[in-house]
Amino acid sequence: MSKIYIGNLPWSTDNNKLADAFSEHGQIVDHIVMTDRETGRSRGFGFVTFSAEEEAQAAIAAKNDSELDGRRITVNIANPRPTQGRW
């Protein structure tokens, strides 16, 4: 599996719109638009996980610096969160 980061999403983009925008590039295993915990409003970025690395690379090549609902989005491989070490 391979996860990609999508930045500069329009505030109107929800989970379904995100999946629709990227489903043509492969099998989506998971997708989420990150939202503010208090307001529920989009934070302007999200993640899509594809079943294969090749699908993720195809999505990046096709969608990076493209327009989604009037905004130019950024798409790249998601950086894994650093793990918190135990002391």
PDB file of N, CA and C in Angstrom:
ATOM      1  N   MET A   1       0.846  -1.185   0.000  1.00  0.00           N
ATOM      2  CA  MET A   1       0.000   0.000   0.000  1.00  0.00           C
ATOM      3  C   MET A   1       0.884   1.238   0.000  1.00  0.00           C
ATOM      4  N   SER A   2       0.328   2.314  -0.555  1.00  0.00           N
ATOM      5  CA  SER A   2       1.087   3.552  -0.638  1.00  0.00           C
ATOM      6  C   SER A   2       0.152   4.737  -0.408  1.00  0.00           C
ATOM      7  N   LYS A   3       0.540   5.588   0.537  1.00  0.00           N
ATOM      8  CA  LYS A   3      -0.301   6.728   0.919  1.00  0.00           C
ATOM      9  C   LYS A   3       0.241   8.008   0.302  1.00  0.00           C
ATOM     10  N   ILE A   4      -0.680   8.821  -0.233  1.00  0.00           N
ATOM     11  CA  ILE A   4      -0.291  10.118  -0.773  1.00  0.00           C
ATOM     12  C   ILE A   4      -0.951  11.240   0.032  1.00  0.00           C
ATOM     13  N   TYR A   5      -0.283  12.374   0.026  1.00  0.00           N
ATOM     14  CA  TYR A   5      -0.759  13.584   0.691  1.00  0.00           C
ATOM     15  C   TYR A   5      -1.318  14.512  -0.381  1.00  0.00           C
ATOM     16  N   ILE A   6      -2.475  15.116  -0.112  1.00  0.00           N
ATOM     17  CA  ILE A   6      -3.073  16.097  -1.018  1.00  0.00           C
ATOM     18  C   ILE A   6      -3.242  17.387  -0.236  1.00  0.00           C
ATOM     19  N   GLY A   7      -2.564  18.434  -0.662  1.00  0.00           N
ATOM     20  CA  GLY A   7      -2.612  19.714   0.029  1.00  0.00           C
ATOM     21  C   GLY A   7      -3.297  20.786  -0.783  1.00  0.00           C
ATOM     22  N   ASN A   8      -3.667  21.860  -0.109  1.00  0.00           N
ATOM     23  CA  ASN A   8      -4.352  23.016  -0.697  1.00  0.00           C
ATOM     24  C   ASN A   8      -5.734  22.643  -1.226  1.00  0.00           C
ATOM     25  N   LEU A   9      -6.398  21.715  -0.539  1.00  0.00           N
ATOM     26  CA  LEU A   9      -7.750  21.322  -0.943  1.00  0.00           C
ATOM     27  C   LEU A   9      -8.729  22.466  -0.710  1.00  0.00           C
ATOM     28  N   PRO A  10      -9.706  22.617  -1.598  1.00  0.00           N
ATOM     29  CA  PRO A  10     -10.775  23.597  -1.343  1.00  0.00           C
ATOM     30  C   PRO A  10     -11.532  23.220  -0.073  1.00  0.00           C
ATOM     31  N   TRP A  11     -12.045  24.218   0.628  1.00  0.00           N
ATOM     32  CA  TRP A  11     -12.782  23.955   1.867  1.00  0.00           C
ATOM     33  C   TRP A  11     -14.016  23.087   1.607  1.00  0.00           C
ATOM     34  N   SER A  12     -14.531  23.119   0.399  1.00  0.00           N
ATOM     35  CA  SER A  12     -15.741  22.360   0.065  1.00  0.00           C
ATOM     36  C   SER A  12     -15.477  20.881  -0.203  1.00  0.00           C
ATOM     37  N   THR A  13     -14.220  20.478  -0.300  1.00  0.00           N
ATOM     38  CA  THR A  13     -13.896  19.083  -0.603  1.00  0.00           C
ATOM     39  C   THR A  13     -14.142  18.202   0.623  1.00  0.00           C
ATOM     40  N   ASP A  14     -14.966  17.175   0.428  1.00  0.00           N
ATOM     41  CA  ASP A  14     -15.212  16.220   1.510  1.00  0.00           C
ATOM     42  C   ASP A  14     -14.598  14.869   1.125  1.00  0.00           C
ATOM     43  N   ASN A  15     -14.785  13.878   1.980  1.00  0.00           N
ATOM     44  CA  ASN A  15     -14.196  12.555   1.730  1.00  0.00           C
ATOM     45  C   ASN A  15     -14.640  11.962   0.398  1.00  0.00           C
ATOM     46  N   ASN A  16     -15.920  12.101   0.060  1.00  0.00           N
ATOM     47  CA  ASN A  16     -16.428  11.532  -1.194  1.00  0.00           C
ATOM     48  C   ASN A  16     -15.828  12.211  -2.412  1.00  0.00           C
ATOM     49  N   LYS A  17     -15.730  13.544  -2.379  1.00  0.00           N
ATOM     50  CA  LYS A  17     -15.136  14.270  -3.505  1.00  0.00           C
ATOM     51  C   LYS A  17     -13.672  13.897  -3.685  1.00  0.00           C
ATOM     52  N   LEU A  18     -12.979  13.706  -2.567  1.00  0.00           N
ATOM     53  CA  LEU A  18     -11.573  13.327  -2.629  1.00  0.00           C
ATOM     54  C   LEU A  18     -11.421  11.954  -3.282  1.00  0.00           C
ATOM     55  N   ALA A  19     -12.223  11.002  -2.856  1.00  0.00           N
ATOM     56  CA  ALA A  19     -12.172   9.657  -3.437  1.00  0.00           C
ATOM     57  C   ALA A  19     -12.526   9.691  -4.923  1.00  0.00           C
ATOM     58  N   ASP A  20     -13.547  10.457  -5.285  1.00  0.00           N
ATOM     59  CA  ASP A  20     -13.944  10.558  -6.691  1.00  0.00           C
ATOM     60  C   ASP A  20     -12.816  11.122  -7.551  1.00  0.00           C
ATOM     61  N   ALA A  21     -12.110  12.113  -7.022  1.00  0.00           N
ATOM     62  CA  ALA A  21     -11.046  12.763  -7.779  1.00  0.00           C
ATOM     63  C   ALA A  21      -9.857  11.840  -8.041  1.00  0.00           C
ATOM     64  N   PHE A  22      -9.644  10.859  -7.172  1.00  0.00           N
ATOM     65  CA  PHE A  22      -8.460  10.008  -7.296  1.00  0.00           C
ATOM     66  C   PHE A  22      -8.751   8.563  -7.685  1.00  0.00           C
ATOM     67  N   SER A  23     -10.011   8.162  -7.730  1.00  0.00           N
ATOM     68  CA  SER A  23     -10.353   6.753  -7.990  1.00  0.00           C
ATOM     69  C   SER A  23      -9.962   6.289  -9.387  1.00  0.00           C
ATOM     70  N   GLU A  24      -9.832   7.195 -10.329  1.00  0.00           N
ATOM     71  CA  GLU A  24      -9.466   6.803 -11.696  1.00  0.00           C
ATOM     72  C   GLU A  24      -8.023   6.295 -11.789  1.00  0.00           C
ATOM     73  N   HIS A  25      -7.240   6.505 -10.736  1.00  0.00           N
ATOM     74  CA  HIS A  25      -5.826   6.131 -10.785  1.00  0.00           C
ATOM     75  C   HIS A  25      -5.526   4.796 -10.130  1.00  0.00           C
ATOM     76  N   GLY A  26      -6.522   4.154  -9.539  1.00  0.00           N
ATOM     77  CA  GLY A  26      -6.295   2.848  -8.945  1.00  0.00           C
ATOM     78  C   GLY A  26      -7.267   2.546  -7.827  1.00  0.00           C
ATOM     79  N   GLN A  27      -7.022   1.429  -7.166  1.00  0.00           N
ATOM     80  CA  GLN A  27      -7.891   0.974  -6.082  1.00  0.00           C
ATOM     81  C   GLN A  27      -7.548   1.723  -4.798  1.00  0.00           C
ATOM     82  N   ILE A  28      -8.531   2.469  -4.307  1.00  0.00           N
ATOM     83  CA  ILE A  28      -8.349   3.230  -3.078  1.00  0.00           C
ATOM     84  C   ILE A  28      -8.695   2.339  -1.894  1.00  0.00           C
ATOM     85  N   VAL A  29      -7.756   2.236  -0.964  1.00  0.00           N
ATOM     86  CA  VAL A  29      -7.933   1.426   0.228  1.00  0.00           C
ATOM     87  C   VAL A  29      -8.507   2.281   1.356  1.00  0.00           C
ATOM     88  N   ASP A  30      -8.081   3.559   1.409  1.00  0.00           N
ATOM     89  CA  ASP A  30      -8.531   4.465   2.460  1.00  0.00           C
ATOM     90  C   ASP A  30      -8.402   5.897   1.955  1.00  0.00           C
ATOM     91  N   HIS A  31      -9.238   6.789   2.475  1.00  0.00           N
ATOM     92  CA  HIS A  31      -9.160   8.206   2.107  1.00  0.00           C
ATOM     93  C   HIS A  31      -9.767   9.043   3.225  1.00  0.00           C
ATOM     94  N   ILE A  32      -9.196  10.229   3.423  1.00  0.00           N
ATOM     95  CA  ILE A  32      -9.713  11.103   4.471  1.00  0.00           C
ATOM     96  C   ILE A  32      -9.318  12.550   4.188  1.00  0.00           C
ATOM     97  N   VAL A  33     -10.280  13.438   4.409  1.00  0.00           N
ATOM     98  CA  VAL A  33     -10.007  14.874   4.443  1.00  0.00           C
ATOM     99  C   VAL A  33      -9.895  15.230   5.919  1.00  0.00           C
ATOM    100  N   MET A  34      -8.800  15.840   6.297  1.00  0.00           N
ATOM    101  CA  MET A  34      -8.584  16.183   7.701  1.00  0.00           C
ATOM    102  C   MET A  34      -9.455  17.382   8.068  1.00  0.00           C
ATOM    103  N   THR A  35     -10.112  17.273   9.215  1.00  0.00           N
ATOM    104  CA  THR A  35     -11.019  18.325   9.658  1.00  0.00           C
ATOM    105  C   THR A  35     -10.634  18.835  11.037  1.00  0.00           C
ATOM    106  N   ASP A  36     -11.057  20.047  11.321  1.00  0.00           N
ATOM    107  CA  ASP A  36     -10.852  20.646  12.636  1.00  0.00           C
ATOM    108  C   ASP A  36     -11.750  19.927  13.632  1.00  0.00           C
ATOM    109  N   ARG A  37     -11.225  19.535  14.769  1.00  0.00           N
ATOM    110  CA  ARG A  37     -12.004  18.780  15.763  1.00  0.00           C
ATOM    111  C   ARG A  37     -13.177  19.580  16.310  1.00  0.00           C
ATOM    112  N   GLU A  38     -12.986  20.867  16.475  1.00  0.00           N
ATOM    113  CA  GLU A  38     -14.033  21.684  17.088  1.00  0.00           C
ATOM    114  C   GLU A  38     -15.092  22.136  16.095  1.00  0.00           C
ATOM    115  N   THR A  39     -14.672  22.558  14.896  1.00  0.00           N
ATOM    116  CA  THR A  39     -15.629  23.112  13.945  1.00  0.00           C
ATOM    117  C   THR A  39     -16.119  22.088  12.919  1.00  0.00           C
ATOM    118  N   GLY A  40     -15.345  21.017  12.719  1.00  0.00           N
ATOM    119  CA  GLY A  40     -15.700  20.031  11.703  1.00  0.00           C
ATOM    120  C   GLY A  40     -15.361  20.482  10.297  1.00  0.00           C
ATOM    121  N   ARG A  41     -14.788  21.665  10.165  1.00  0.00           N
ATOM    122  CA  ARG A  41     -14.440  22.232   8.854  1.00  0.00           C
ATOM    123  C   ARG A  41     -13.123  21.637   8.350  1.00  0.00           C
ATOM    124  N   SER A  42     -13.026  21.508   7.032  1.00  0.00           N
ATOM    125  CA  SER A  42     -11.815  20.979   6.420  1.00  0.00           C
ATOM    126  C   SER A  42     -10.600  21.817   6.810  1.00  0.00           C
ATOM    127  N   ARG A  43      -9.479  21.143   7.004  1.00  0.00           N
ATOM    128  CA  ARG A  43      -8.219  21.836   7.289  1.00  0.00           C
ATOM    129  C   ARG A  43      -7.426  22.073   6.007  1.00  0.00           C
ATOM    130  N   GLY A  44      -7.983  21.679   4.855  1.00  0.00           N
ATOM    131  CA  GLY A  44      -7.356  21.972   3.568  1.00  0.00           C
ATOM    132  C   GLY A  44      -6.361  20.937   3.080  1.00  0.00           C
ATOM    133  N   PHE A  45      -6.343  19.770   3.729  1.00  0.00           N
ATOM    134  CA  PHE A  45      -5.483  18.702   3.231  1.00  0.00           C
ATOM    135  C   PHE A  45      -6.087  17.349   3.572  1.00  0.00           C
ATOM    136  N   GLY A  46      -5.596  16.327   2.886  1.00  0.00           N
ATOM    137  CA  GLY A  46      -6.103  14.986   3.126  1.00  0.00           C
ATOM    138  C   GLY A  46      -5.129  13.936   2.640  1.00  0.00           C
ATOM    139  N   PHE A  47      -5.536  12.683   2.768  1.00  0.00           N
ATOM    140  CA  PHE A  47      -4.695  11.557   2.385  1.00  0.00           C
ATOM    141  C   PHE A  47      -5.526  10.529   1.628  1.00  0.00           C
ATOM    142  N   VAL A  48      -4.884   9.879   0.654  1.00  0.00           N
ATOM    143  CA  VAL A  48      -5.492   8.764  -0.067  1.00  0.00           C
ATOM    144  C   VAL A  48      -4.481   7.628  -0.054  1.00  0.00           C
ATOM    145  N   THR A  49      -4.942   6.435   0.293  1.00  0.00           N
ATOM    146  CA  THR A  49      -4.072   5.261   0.288  1.00  0.00           C
ATOM    147  C   THR A  49      -4.492   4.355  -0.860  1.00  0.00           C
ATOM    148  N   PHE A  50      -3.534   4.041  -1.723  1.00  0.00           N
ATOM    149  CA  PHE A  50      -3.772   3.138  -2.848  1.00  0.00           C
ATOM    150  C   PHE A  50      -3.234   1.755  -2.507  1.00  0.00           C
ATOM    151  N   SER A  51      -3.746   0.760  -3.203  1.00  0.00           N
ATOM    152  CA  SER A  51      -3.323  -0.616  -2.932  1.00  0.00           C
ATOM    153  C   SER A  51      -1.933  -0.904  -3.477  1.00  0.00           C
ATOM    154  N   ALA A  52      -1.440  -0.095  -4.420  1.00  0.00           N
ATOM    155  CA  ALA A  52      -0.120  -0.355  -5.011  1.00  0.00           C
ATOM    156  C   ALA A  52       0.650   0.956  -5.200  1.00  0.00           C
ATOM    157  N   GLU A  53       1.952   0.857  -5.087  1.00  0.00           N
ATOM    158  CA  GLU A  53       2.857   1.999  -5.262  1.00  0.00           C
ATOM    159  C   GLU A  53       2.689   2.635  -6.650  1.00  0.00           C
ATOM    160  N   GLU A  54       2.516   1.795  -7.675  1.00  0.00           N
ATOM    161  CA  GLU A  54       2.383   2.302  -9.043  1.00  0.00           C
ATOM    162  C   GLU A  54       1.149   3.191  -9.188  1.00  0.00           C
ATOM    163  N   GLU A  55       0.070   2.817  -8.507  1.00  0.00           N
ATOM    164  CA  GLU A  55      -1.162   3.620  -8.563  1.00  0.00           C
ATOM    165  C   GLU A  55      -0.938   4.974  -7.905  1.00  0.00           C
ATOM    166  N   ALA A  56      -0.240   4.973  -6.791  1.00  0.00           N
ATOM    167  CA  ALA A  56       0.053   6.231  -6.095  1.00  0.00           C
ATOM    168  C   ALA A  56       0.920   7.130  -6.975  1.00  0.00           C
ATOM    169  N   GLN A  57       1.926   6.555  -7.610  1.00  0.00           N
ATOM    170  CA  GLN A  57       2.802   7.342  -8.485  1.00  0.00           C
ATOM    171  C   GLN A  57       2.031   7.905  -9.689  1.00  0.00           C
ATOM    172  N   ALA A  58       1.098   7.116 -10.231  1.00  0.00           N
ATOM    173  CA  ALA A  58       0.278   7.590 -11.345  1.00  0.00           C
ATOM    174  C   ALA A  58      -0.597   8.762 -10.910  1.00  0.00           C
ATOM    175  N   ALA A  59      -1.155   8.670  -9.705  1.00  0.00           N
ATOM    176  CA  ALA A  59      -1.989   9.759  -9.182  1.00  0.00           C
ATOM    177  C   ALA A  59      -1.166  11.027  -8.971  1.00  0.00           C
ATOM    178  N   ILE A  60       0.039  10.874  -8.440  1.00  0.00           N
ATOM    179  CA  ILE A  60       0.913  12.030  -8.232  1.00  0.00           C
ATOM    180  C   ILE A  60       1.247  12.689  -9.571  1.00  0.00           C
ATOM    181  N   ALA A  61       1.629  11.871 -10.546  1.00  0.00           N
ATOM    182  CA  ALA A  61       1.995  12.403 -11.859  1.00  0.00           C
ATOM    183  C   ALA A  61       0.833  13.134 -12.519  1.00  0.00           C
ATOM    184  N   ALA A  62      -0.370  12.607 -12.359  1.00  0.00           N
ATOM    185  CA  ALA A  62      -1.540  13.189 -13.021  1.00  0.00           C
ATOM    186  C   ALA A  62      -2.122  14.389 -12.270  1.00  0.00           C
ATOM    187  N   LYS A  63      -2.069  14.362 -10.952  1.00  0.00           N
ATOM    188  CA  LYS A  63      -2.813  15.354 -10.166  1.00  0.00           C
ATOM    189  C   LYS A  63      -1.972  16.461  -9.534  1.00  0.00           C
ATOM    190  N   ASN A  64      -0.668  16.249  -9.345  1.00  0.00           N
ATOM    191  CA  ASN A  64       0.128  17.290  -8.710  1.00  0.00           C
ATOM    192  C   ASN A  64       0.090  18.562  -9.553  1.00  0.00           C
ATOM    193  N   ASP A  65      -0.156  19.682  -8.910  1.00  0.00           N
ATOM    194  CA  ASP A  65      -0.234  20.995  -9.555  1.00  0.00           C
ATOM    195  C   ASP A  65      -1.409  21.079 -10.534  1.00  0.00           C
ATOM    196  N   SER A  66      -2.447  20.265 -10.288  1.00  0.00           N
ATOM    197  CA  SER A  66      -3.661  20.352 -11.109  1.00  0.00           C
ATOM    198  C   SER A  66      -4.735  21.095 -10.312  1.00  0.00           C
ATOM    199  N   GLU A  67      -5.870  21.339 -10.948  1.00  0.00           N
ATOM    200  CA  GLU A  67      -6.930  22.090 -10.297  1.00  0.00           C
ATOM    201  C   GLU A  67      -8.053  21.165  -9.832  1.00  0.00           C
ATOM    202  N   LEU A  68      -8.507  21.403  -8.607  1.00  0.00           N
ATOM    203  CA  LEU A  68      -9.646  20.676  -8.048  1.00  0.00           C
ATOM    204  C   LEU A  68     -10.600  21.701  -7.459  1.00  0.00           C
ATOM    205  N   ASP A  69     -11.795  21.775  -7.991  1.00  0.00           N
ATOM    206  CA  ASP A  69     -12.805  22.744  -7.534  1.00  0.00           C
ATOM    207  C   ASP A  69     -12.254  24.168  -7.449  1.00  0.00           C
ATOM    208  N   GLY A  70     -11.451  24.548  -8.444  1.00  0.00           N
ATOM    209  CA  GLY A  70     -10.969  25.923  -8.525  1.00  0.00           C
ATOM    210  C   GLY A  70      -9.677  26.227  -7.784  1.00  0.00           C
ATOM    211  N   ARG A  71      -9.091  25.228  -7.132  1.00  0.00           N
ATOM    212  CA  ARG A  71      -7.817  25.448  -6.432  1.00  0.00           C
ATOM    213  C   ARG A  71      -6.750  24.516  -6.968  1.00  0.00           C
ATOM    214  N   ARG A  72      -5.537  25.018  -7.041  1.00  0.00           N
ATOM    215  CA  ARG A  72      -4.402  24.221  -7.498  1.00  0.00           C
ATOM    216  C   ARG A  72      -3.886  23.400  -6.325  1.00  0.00           C
ATOM    217  N   ILE A  73      -3.944  22.071  -6.473  1.00  0.00           N
ATOM    218  CA  ILE A  73      -3.581  21.183  -5.370  1.00  0.00           C
ATOM    219  C   ILE A  73      -2.139  20.683  -5.489  1.00  0.00           C
ATOM    220  N   THR A  74      -1.602  20.267  -4.359  1.00  0.00           N
ATOM    221  CA  THR A  74      -0.278  19.666  -4.282  1.00  0.00           C
ATOM    222  C   THR A  74      -0.458  18.200  -3.908  1.00  0.00           C
ATOM    223  N   VAL A  75       0.206  17.319  -4.651  1.00  0.00           N
ATOM    224  CA  VAL A  75       0.077  15.882  -4.387  1.00  0.00           C
ATOM    225  C   VAL A  75       1.469  15.270  -4.342  1.00  0.00           C
ATOM    226  N   ASN A  76       1.782  14.558  -3.260  1.00  0.00           N
ATOM    227  CA  ASN A  76       3.052  13.845  -3.167  1.00  0.00           C
ATOM    228  C   ASN A  76       2.935  12.682  -2.177  1.00  0.00           C
ATOM    229  N   ILE A  77       3.978  11.890  -2.108  1.00  0.00           N
ATOM    230  CA  ILE A  77       3.984  10.756  -1.175  1.00  0.00           C
ATOM    231  C   ILE A  77       3.886  11.297   0.245  1.00  0.00           C
ATOM    232  N   ALA A  78       3.035  10.686   1.048  1.00  0.00           N
ATOM    233  CA  ALA A  78       2.864  11.122   2.434  1.00  0.00           C
ATOM    234  C   ALA A  78       4.084  10.708   3.248  1.00  0.00           C
ATOM    235  N   ASN A  79       4.558  11.630   4.056  1.00  0.00           N
ATOM    236  CA  ASN A  79       5.666  11.324   4.963  1.00  0.00           C
ATOM    237  C   ASN A  79       5.100  10.657   6.206  1.00  0.00           C
ATOM    238  N   PRO A  80       5.666   9.524   6.601  1.00  0.00           N
ATOM    239  CA  PRO A  80       5.158   8.875   7.816  1.00  0.00           C
ATOM    240  C   PRO A  80       5.420   9.747   9.043  1.00  0.00           C
ATOM    241  N   ARG A  81       4.485   9.703   9.966  1.00  0.00           N
ATOM    242  CA  ARG A  81       4.658  10.436  11.218  1.00  0.00           C
ATOM    243  C   ARG A  81       5.820   9.855  11.994  1.00  0.00           C
ATOM    244  N   PRO A  82       6.638  10.716  12.567  1.00  0.00           N
ATOM    245  CA  PRO A  82       7.714  10.157  13.399  1.00  0.00           C
ATOM    246  C   PRO A  82       7.124   9.450  14.612  1.00  0.00           C
ATOM    247  N   THR A  83       7.664   8.313  14.927  1.00  0.00           N
ATOM    248  CA  THR A  83       7.154   7.571  16.085  1.00  0.00           C
ATOM    249  C   THR A  83       7.758   8.139  17.358  1.00  0.00           C
ATOM    250  N   GLN A  84       6.954   8.166  18.381  1.00  0.00           N
ATOM    251  CA  GLN A  84       7.401   8.658  19.676  1.00  0.00           C
ATOM    252  C   GLN A  84       8.175   7.534  20.365  1.00  0.00           C
ATOM    253  N   GLY A  85       9.420   7.790  20.673  1.00  0.00           N
ATOM    254  CA  GLY A  85      10.225   6.781  21.351  1.00  0.00           C
ATOM    255  C   GLY A  85       9.887   6.706  22.833  1.00  0.00           C
ATOM    256  N   ARG A  86      10.053   5.562  23.382  1.00  0.00           N
ATOM    257  CA  ARG A  86       9.835   5.392  24.826  1.00  0.00           C
ATOM    258  C   ARG A  86      11.162   5.578  25.528  1.00  0.00           C
ATOM    259  N   TRP A  87      11.147   6.301  26.619  1.00  0.00           N
ATOM    260  CA  TRP A  87      12.382   6.582  27.356  1.00  0.00           C
ATOM    261  C   TRP A  87      12.530   5.687  28.507  1.00  0.00           C
TER     262      TRP A  87
END
